[in-house]
Amino acid sequence: MSLELLSKLETKIQAAVETIELLKMELEEEKQKSSQLTEQNDQLKQELNSWNEKVTGLVGLLNSEVE
């Protein structure tokens, strides 16, 4: 192999390594975002359950007042 071919190969390998590193960083960022969204989703589910319980209680009060 000539030195020119080795140099081209080295350049391509270096570019591939840099791309892999960038993709790893991007993946880590996406994992963090996913984790934050999961936490937010869990919090919103808890809030929804709380509101459902309050509304159910209020409807129960209204029904008992009507009877």
PDB file of N, CA and C in Angstrom:
ATOM      1  N   MET A   1       0.846  -1.177   0.000  1.00  0.00           N
ATOM      2  CA  MET A   1       0.000   0.000   0.000  1.00  0.00           C
ATOM      3  C   MET A   1       0.882   1.227   0.000  1.00  0.00           C
ATOM      4  N   SER A   2       0.455   2.196  -0.739  1.00  0.00           N
ATOM      5  CA  SER A   2       1.262   3.413  -0.791  1.00  0.00           C
ATOM      6  C   SER A   2       0.952   4.287   0.416  1.00  0.00           C
ATOM      7  N   LEU A   3       1.834   5.205   0.670  1.00  0.00           N
ATOM      8  CA  LEU A   3       1.643   6.131   1.782  1.00  0.00           C
ATOM      9  C   LEU A   3       0.404   6.995   1.569  1.00  0.00           C
ATOM     10  N   GLU A   4       0.119   7.300   0.313  1.00  0.00           N
ATOM     11  CA  GLU A   4      -1.059   8.118   0.005  1.00  0.00           C
ATOM     12  C   GLU A   4      -2.342   7.385   0.396  1.00  0.00           C
ATOM     13  N   LEU A   5      -2.409   6.082   0.075  1.00  0.00           N
ATOM     14  CA  LEU A   5      -3.584   5.299   0.439  1.00  0.00           C
ATOM     15  C   LEU A   5      -3.718   5.168   1.954  1.00  0.00           C
ATOM     16  N   LEU A   6      -2.590   4.974   2.627  1.00  0.00           N
ATOM     17  CA  LEU A   6      -2.621   4.891   4.082  1.00  0.00           C
ATOM     18  C   LEU A   6      -3.081   6.203   4.701  1.00  0.00           C
ATOM     19  N   SER A   7      -2.655   7.284   4.139  1.00  0.00           N
ATOM     20  CA  SER A   7      -3.057   8.605   4.630  1.00  0.00           C
ATOM     21  C   SER A   7      -4.558   8.809   4.439  1.00  0.00           C
ATOM     22  N   LYS A   8      -5.072   8.415   3.275  1.00  0.00           N
ATOM     23  CA  LYS A   8      -6.513   8.530   3.017  1.00  0.00           C
ATOM     24  C   LYS A   8      -7.301   7.649   3.985  1.00  0.00           C
ATOM     25  N   LEU A   9      -6.802   6.443   4.217  1.00  0.00           N
ATOM     26  CA  LEU A   9      -7.457   5.522   5.135  1.00  0.00           C
ATOM     27  C   LEU A   9      -7.466   6.094   6.551  1.00  0.00           C
ATOM     28  N   GLU A  10      -6.344   6.657   6.947  1.00  0.00           N
ATOM     29  CA  GLU A  10      -6.254   7.260   8.281  1.00  0.00           C
ATOM     30  C   GLU A  10      -7.251   8.414   8.423  1.00  0.00           C
ATOM     31  N   THR A  11      -7.383   9.223   7.395  1.00  0.00           N
ATOM     32  CA  THR A  11      -8.320  10.344   7.413  1.00  0.00           C
ATOM     33  C   THR A  11      -9.749   9.850   7.538  1.00  0.00           C
ATOM     34  N   LYS A  12     -10.079   8.826   6.776  1.00  0.00           N
ATOM     35  CA  LYS A  12     -11.436   8.271   6.834  1.00  0.00           C
ATOM     36  C   LYS A  12     -11.718   7.644   8.198  1.00  0.00           C
ATOM     37  N   ILE A  13     -10.750   6.955   8.753  1.00  0.00           N
ATOM     38  CA  ILE A  13     -10.932   6.348  10.067  1.00  0.00           C
ATOM     39  C   ILE A  13     -11.110   7.425  11.131  1.00  0.00           C
ATOM     40  N   GLN A  14     -10.309   8.468  11.049  1.00  0.00           N
ATOM     41  CA  GLN A  14     -10.429   9.565  12.013  1.00  0.00           C
ATOM     42  C   GLN A  14     -11.807  10.225  11.910  1.00  0.00           C
ATOM     43  N   ALA A  15     -12.289  10.417  10.699  1.00  0.00           N
ATOM     44  CA  ALA A  15     -13.617  11.008  10.504  1.00  0.00           C
ATOM     45  C   ALA A  15     -14.694  10.089  11.080  1.00  0.00           C
ATOM     46  N   ALA A  16     -14.532   8.796  10.887  1.00  0.00           N
ATOM     47  CA  ALA A  16     -15.500   7.828  11.424  1.00  0.00           C
ATOM     48  C   ALA A  16     -15.487   7.859  12.951  1.00  0.00           C
ATOM     49  N   VAL A  17     -14.314   7.930  13.551  1.00  0.00           N
ATOM     50  CA  VAL A  17     -14.195   7.981  15.009  1.00  0.00           C
ATOM     51  C   VAL A  17     -14.854   9.254  15.545  1.00  0.00           C
ATOM     52  N   GLU A  18     -14.627  10.367  14.904  1.00  0.00           N
ATOM     53  CA  GLU A  18     -15.236  11.626  15.323  1.00  0.00           C
ATOM     54  C   GLU A  18     -16.753  11.563  15.213  1.00  0.00           C
ATOM     55  N   THR A  19     -17.243  10.970  14.133  1.00  0.00           N
ATOM     56  CA  THR A  19     -18.691  10.820  13.953  1.00  0.00           C
ATOM     57  C   THR A  19     -19.279   9.940  15.048  1.00  0.00           C
ATOM     58  N   ILE A  20     -18.594   8.864  15.375  1.00  0.00           N
ATOM     59  CA  ILE A  20     -19.058   7.961  16.437  1.00  0.00           C
ATOM     60  C   ILE A  20     -19.112   8.702  17.770  1.00  0.00           C
ATOM     61  N   GLU A  21     -18.091   9.489  18.071  1.00  0.00           N
ATOM     62  CA  GLU A  21     -18.073  10.244  19.322  1.00  0.00           C
ATOM     63  C   GLU A  21     -19.225  11.247  19.378  1.00  0.00           C
ATOM     64  N   LEU A  22     -19.483  11.929  18.286  1.00  0.00           N
ATOM     65  CA  LEU A  22     -20.598  12.879  18.238  1.00  0.00           C
ATOM     66  C   LEU A  22     -21.933  12.160  18.429  1.00  0.00           C
ATOM     67  N   LEU A  23     -22.071  11.015  17.798  1.00  0.00           N
ATOM     68  CA  LEU A  23     -23.307  10.246  17.947  1.00  0.00           C
ATOM     69  C   LEU A  23     -23.484   9.731  19.368  1.00  0.00           C
ATOM     70  N   LYS A  24     -22.384   9.353  20.019  1.00  0.00           N
ATOM     71  CA  LYS A  24     -22.452   8.921  21.412  1.00  0.00           C
ATOM     72  C   LYS A  24     -22.931  10.063  22.305  1.00  0.00           C
ATOM     73  N   MET A  25     -22.409  11.260  22.074  1.00  0.00           N
ATOM     74  CA  MET A  25     -22.827  12.417  22.865  1.00  0.00           C
ATOM     75  C   MET A  25     -24.298  12.737  22.619  1.00  0.00           C
ATOM     76  N   GLU A  26     -24.694  12.672  21.367  1.00  0.00           N
ATOM     77  CA  GLU A  26     -26.088  12.927  21.025  1.00  0.00           C
ATOM     78  C   GLU A  26     -27.005  11.891  21.673  1.00  0.00           C
ATOM     79  N   LEU A  27     -26.595  10.639  21.663  1.00  0.00           N
ATOM     80  CA  LEU A  27     -27.375   9.568  22.286  1.00  0.00           C
ATOM     81  C   LEU A  27     -27.515   9.811  23.784  1.00  0.00           C
ATOM     82  N   GLU A  28     -26.442  10.226  24.427  1.00  0.00           N
ATOM     83  CA  GLU A  28     -26.489  10.502  25.861  1.00  0.00           C
ATOM     84  C   GLU A  28     -27.461  11.648  26.158  1.00  0.00           C
ATOM     85  N   GLU A  29     -27.437  12.685  25.334  1.00  0.00           N
ATOM     86  CA  GLU A  29     -28.368  13.807  25.500  1.00  0.00           C
ATOM     87  C   GLU A  29     -29.811  13.334  25.348  1.00  0.00           C
ATOM     88  N   GLU A  30     -30.050  12.492  24.374  1.00  0.00           N
ATOM     89  CA  GLU A  30     -31.403  11.978  24.145  1.00  0.00           C
ATOM     90  C   GLU A  30     -31.856  11.085  25.304  1.00  0.00           C
ATOM     91  N   LYS A  31     -30.923  10.319  25.873  1.00  0.00           N
ATOM     92  CA  LYS A  31     -31.263   9.490  27.027  1.00  0.00           C
ATOM     93  C   LYS A  31     -31.652  10.364  28.214  1.00  0.00           C
ATOM     94  N   GLN A  32     -30.926  11.467  28.405  1.00  0.00           N
ATOM     95  CA  GLN A  32     -31.249  12.386  29.493  1.00  0.00           C
ATOM     96  C   GLN A  32     -32.618  13.023  29.274  1.00  0.00           C
ATOM     97  N   LYS A  33     -32.890  13.437  28.046  1.00  0.00           N
ATOM     98  CA  LYS A  33     -34.192  14.023  27.726  1.00  0.00           C
ATOM     99  C   LYS A  33     -35.308  13.009  27.966  1.00  0.00           C
ATOM    100  N   SER A  34     -35.058  11.781  27.562  1.00  0.00           N
ATOM    101  CA  SER A  34     -36.045  10.720  27.751  1.00  0.00           C
ATOM    102  C   SER A  34     -36.321  10.499  29.235  1.00  0.00           C
ATOM    103  N   SER A  35     -35.269  10.494  30.023  1.00  0.00           N
ATOM    104  CA  SER A  35     -35.415  10.316  31.462  1.00  0.00           C
ATOM    105  C   SER A  35     -36.223  11.459  32.070  1.00  0.00           C
ATOM    106  N   GLN A  36     -35.933  12.687  31.639  1.00  0.00           N
ATOM    107  CA  GLN A  36     -36.677  13.843  32.142  1.00  0.00           C
ATOM    108  C   GLN A  36     -38.146  13.764  31.743  1.00  0.00           C
ATOM    109  N   LEU A  37     -38.402  13.358  30.515  1.00  0.00           N
ATOM    110  CA  LEU A  37     -39.783  13.240  30.052  1.00  0.00           C
ATOM    111  C   LEU A  37     -40.524  12.135  30.795  1.00  0.00           C
ATOM    112  N   THR A  38     -39.829  11.053  31.110  1.00  0.00           N
ATOM    113  CA  THR A  38     -40.446   9.969  31.880  1.00  0.00           C
ATOM    114  C   THR A  38     -40.824  10.462  33.272  1.00  0.00           C
ATOM    115  N   GLU A  39     -39.922  11.212  33.896  1.00  0.00           N
ATOM    116  CA  GLU A  39     -40.216  11.771  35.216  1.00  0.00           C
ATOM    117  C   GLU A  39     -41.393  12.737  35.148  1.00  0.00           C
ATOM    118  N   GLN A  40     -41.390  13.586  34.131  1.00  0.00           N
ATOM    119  CA  GLN A  40     -42.488  14.548  33.968  1.00  0.00           C
ATOM    120  C   GLN A  40     -43.806  13.813  33.723  1.00  0.00           C
ATOM    121  N   ASN A  41     -43.762  12.771  32.927  1.00  0.00           N
ATOM    122  CA  ASN A  41     -44.959  11.982  32.643  1.00  0.00           C
ATOM    123  C   ASN A  41     -45.501  11.343  33.920  1.00  0.00           C
ATOM    124  N   ASP A  42     -44.616  10.812  34.744  1.00  0.00           N
ATOM    125  CA  ASP A  42     -45.036  10.200  36.008  1.00  0.00           C
ATOM    126  C   ASP A  42     -45.688  11.244  36.918  1.00  0.00           C
ATOM    127  N   GLN A  43     -45.090  12.431  36.968  1.00  0.00           N
ATOM    128  CA  GLN A  43     -45.645  13.507  37.788  1.00  0.00           C
ATOM    129  C   GLN A  43     -47.034  13.901  37.285  1.00  0.00           C
ATOM    130  N   LEU A  44     -47.182  14.028  35.974  1.00  0.00           N
ATOM    131  CA  LEU A  44     -48.477  14.400  35.409  1.00  0.00           C
ATOM    132  C   LEU A  44     -49.527  13.319  35.654  1.00  0.00           C
ATOM    133  N   LYS A  45     -49.120  12.069  35.610  1.00  0.00           N
ATOM    134  CA  LYS A  45     -50.053  10.972  35.910  1.00  0.00           C
ATOM    135  C   LYS A  45     -50.530  11.067  37.350  1.00  0.00           C
ATOM    136  N   GLN A  46     -49.602  11.377  38.265  1.00  0.00           N
ATOM    137  CA  GLN A  46     -49.981  11.521  39.672  1.00  0.00           C
ATOM    138  C   GLN A  46     -50.963  12.686  39.854  1.00  0.00           C
ATOM    139  N   GLU A  47     -50.685  13.799  39.178  1.00  0.00           N
ATOM    140  CA  GLU A  47     -51.584  14.948  39.250  1.00  0.00           C
ATOM    141  C   GLU A  47     -52.963  14.593  38.693  1.00  0.00           C
ATOM    142  N   LEU A  48     -52.985  13.868  37.588  1.00  0.00           N
ATOM    143  CA  LEU A  48     -54.252  13.464  36.989  1.00  0.00           C
ATOM    144  C   LEU A  48     -55.040  12.566  37.947  1.00  0.00           C
ATOM    145  N   ASN A  49     -54.362  11.632  38.569  1.00  0.00           N
ATOM    146  CA  ASN A  49     -55.029  10.761  39.538  1.00  0.00           C
ATOM    147  C   ASN A  49     -55.585  11.569  40.704  1.00  0.00           C
ATOM    148  N   SER A  50     -54.819  12.538  41.160  1.00  0.00           N
ATOM    149  CA  SER A  50     -55.272  13.388  42.259  1.00  0.00           C
ATOM    150  C   SER A  50     -56.521  14.166  41.866  1.00  0.00           C
ATOM    151  N   TRP A  51     -56.497  14.743  40.663  1.00  0.00           N
ATOM    152  CA  TRP A  51     -57.671  15.488  40.189  1.00  0.00           C
ATOM    153  C   TRP A  51     -58.876  14.564  40.017  1.00  0.00           C
ATOM    154  N   ASN A  52     -58.639  13.371  39.498  1.00  0.00           N
ATOM    155  CA  ASN A  52     -59.736  12.409  39.337  1.00  0.00           C
ATOM    156  C   ASN A  52     -60.364  12.072  40.687  1.00  0.00           C
ATOM    157  N   GLU A  53     -59.527  11.883  41.704  1.00  0.00           N
ATOM    158  CA  GLU A  53     -60.045  11.582  43.040  1.00  0.00           C
ATOM    159  C   GLU A  53     -60.863  12.754  43.580  1.00  0.00           C
ATOM    160  N   LYS A  54     -60.373  13.985  43.377  1.00  0.00           N
ATOM    161  CA  LYS A  54     -61.098  15.169  43.847  1.00  0.00           C
ATOM    162  C   LYS A  54     -62.445  15.302  43.146  1.00  0.00           C
ATOM    163  N   VAL A  55     -62.428  15.122  41.831  1.00  0.00           N
ATOM    164  CA  VAL A  55     -63.671  15.242  41.064  1.00  0.00           C
ATOM    165  C   VAL A  55     -64.650  14.146  41.482  1.00  0.00           C
ATOM    166  N   THR A  56     -64.162  12.941  41.649  1.00  0.00           N
ATOM    167  CA  THR A  56     -65.026  11.837  42.081  1.00  0.00           C
ATOM    168  C   THR A  56     -65.637  12.153  43.445  1.00  0.00           C
ATOM    169  N   GLY A  57     -64.831  12.691  44.335  1.00  0.00           N
ATOM    170  CA  GLY A  57     -65.339  13.071  45.646  1.00  0.00           C
ATOM    171  C   GLY A  57     -66.398  14.160  45.562  1.00  0.00           C
ATOM    172  N   LEU A  58     -66.146  15.161  44.714  1.00  0.00           N
ATOM    173  CA  LEU A  58     -67.125  16.236  44.551  1.00  0.00           C
ATOM    174  C   LEU A  58     -68.415  15.728  43.925  1.00  0.00           C
ATOM    175  N   VAL A  59     -68.314  14.855  42.956  1.00  0.00           N
ATOM    176  CA  VAL A  59     -69.508  14.275  42.333  1.00  0.00           C
ATOM    177  C   VAL A  59     -70.279  13.459  43.368  1.00  0.00           C
ATOM    178  N   GLY A  60     -69.558  12.753  44.213  1.00  0.00           N
ATOM    179  CA  GLY A  60     -70.203  11.991  45.283  1.00  0.00           C
ATOM    180  C   GLY A  60     -70.946  12.915  46.238  1.00  0.00           C
ATOM    181  N   LEU A  61     -70.339  14.054  46.569  1.00  0.00           N
ATOM    182  CA  LEU A  61     -71.008  15.028  47.428  1.00  0.00           C
ATOM    183  C   LEU A  61     -72.271  15.575  46.763  1.00  0.00           C
ATOM    184  N   LEU A  62     -72.155  15.889  45.488  1.00  0.00           N
ATOM    185  CA  LEU A  62     -73.318  16.402  44.766  1.00  0.00           C
ATOM    186  C   LEU A  62     -74.434  15.373  44.731  1.00  0.00           C
ATOM    187  N   ASN A  63     -74.085  14.122  44.490  1.00  0.00           N
ATOM    188  CA  ASN A  63     -75.097  13.056  44.443  1.00  0.00           C
ATOM    189  C   ASN A  63     -75.759  12.870  45.801  1.00  0.00           C
ATOM    190  N   SER A  64     -74.990  12.986  46.868  1.00  0.00           N
ATOM    191  CA  SER A  64     -75.586  12.806  48.191  1.00  0.00           C
ATOM    192  C   SER A  64     -76.483  13.997  48.558  1.00  0.00           C
ATOM    193  N   GLU A  65     -76.182  15.171  48.056  1.00  0.00           N
ATOM    194  CA  GLU A  65     -77.025  16.349  48.289  1.00  0.00           C
ATOM    195  C   GLU A  65     -78.334  16.264  47.501  1.00  0.00           C
ATOM    196  N   VAL A  66     -78.299  15.673  46.327  1.00  0.00           N
ATOM    197  CA  VAL A  66     -79.479  15.552  45.478  1.00  0.00           C
ATOM    198  C   VAL A  66     -80.462  14.547  46.076  1.00  0.00           C
ATOM    199  N   GLU A  67     -79.952  13.507  46.695  1.00  0.00           N
ATOM    200  CA  GLU A  67     -80.807  12.451  47.232  1.00  0.00           C
ATOM    201  C   GLU A  67     -81.495  12.864  48.447  1.00  0.00           C
TER     202      GLU A  67
END
